[in-house]
């Protein structure tokens, strides 16, 4: 599972790529956010089953790009 981790002024936010807004983790550090989202994913699977996180169109990779608008 690919995890996106964003750095914000007040900490980090992590979420699995390709899964719409169901599971989110946060922390003061990159490692804390990653650990938090892993825990949230495990809890979600234990509560709702693995199929709750399955996507018909899974994210194969994630990229960061800048664009002028």
Protein backbone atom coordinates (compact mmCIF):
# COMPACT_ATOMS: atom_id res chain seq x y z
CA UNK A 1 0.00 0.00 0.00
CA UNK A 2 1.41 3.37 -0.99
CA UNK A 3 1.20 6.07 1.69
CA UNK A 4 1.24 9.81 0.97
CA UNK A 5 2.82 11.92 3.72
CA UNK A 6 2.43 15.68 3.57
CA UNK A 7 4.51 18.11 5.63
CA UNK A 8 2.51 21.08 6.98
CA UNK A 9 3.62 23.96 9.22
CA UNK A 10 2.10 22.25 12.27
CA UNK A 11 3.08 18.61 11.54
CA UNK A 12 2.62 15.76 9.10
CA UNK A 13 -0.49 14.15 7.60
CA UNK A 14 -0.46 10.66 6.08
CA UNK A 15 -3.03 8.74 4.05
CA UNK A 16 -3.09 5.78 1.67
CA UNK A 17 -3.01 6.68 -2.03
CA UNK A 18 -6.10 5.77 -4.01
CA UNK A 19 -8.38 5.28 -1.01
CA UNK A 20 -10.80 8.20 -0.74
CA UNK A 21 -10.54 9.91 2.66
CA UNK A 22 -11.30 6.88 4.83
CA UNK A 23 -8.05 6.57 6.78
CA UNK A 24 -5.78 9.43 7.87
CA UNK A 25 -2.85 9.62 10.27
CA UNK A 26 -0.97 12.56 11.70
CA UNK A 27 2.06 13.34 13.81
CA UNK A 28 4.72 15.85 14.73
CA UNK A 29 7.27 13.90 12.67
CA UNK A 30 7.29 11.90 9.43
CA UNK A 31 7.73 8.66 11.41
CA UNK A 32 4.87 9.49 13.81
CA UNK A 33 2.49 10.19 10.92
CA UNK A 34 3.47 6.97 9.16
CA UNK A 35 3.03 4.93 12.34
CA UNK A 36 -0.32 6.60 13.03
CA UNK A 37 -1.71 5.87 9.57
CA UNK A 38 -0.47 2.26 9.75
CA UNK A 39 -2.33 1.88 13.04
CA UNK A 40 -5.45 3.47 11.53
CA UNK A 41 -5.29 1.12 8.52
CA UNK A 42 -4.98 -1.94 10.79
CA UNK A 43 -7.93 -0.75 12.89
CA UNK A 44 -10.02 -0.12 9.76
CA UNK A 45 -9.26 -3.63 8.45
CA UNK A 46 -10.05 -5.24 11.83
CA UNK A 47 -13.34 -3.32 12.04
CA UNK A 48 -14.63 -3.45 8.46
CA UNK A 49 -12.55 -6.16 6.76
CA UNK A 50 -9.79 -5.90 4.17
CA UNK A 51 -12.33 -5.49 1.35
CA UNK A 52 -13.33 -2.09 2.80
CA UNK A 53 -9.95 -0.73 1.62
CA UNK A 54 -9.91 -2.44 -1.74
CA UNK A 55 -10.24 -0.19 -4.75
CA UNK A 56 -11.35 -1.07 -8.26
CA UNK A 57 -8.73 1.38 -9.52
CA UNK A 58 -5.73 1.16 -7.15
CA UNK A 59 -2.99 3.79 -7.26
CA UNK A 60 0.03 2.26 -8.97
CA UNK A 61 2.39 5.05 -7.99
CA UNK A 62 2.37 8.57 -6.59
CA UNK A 63 4.23 11.63 -7.89
CA UNK A 64 4.74 15.20 -6.76
CA UNK A 65 4.97 17.91 -9.39
CA UNK A 66 4.80 21.69 -9.45
CA UNK A 67 2.87 23.60 -12.07
CA UNK A 68 2.53 27.30 -12.75
CA UNK A 69 -1.07 28.44 -13.05
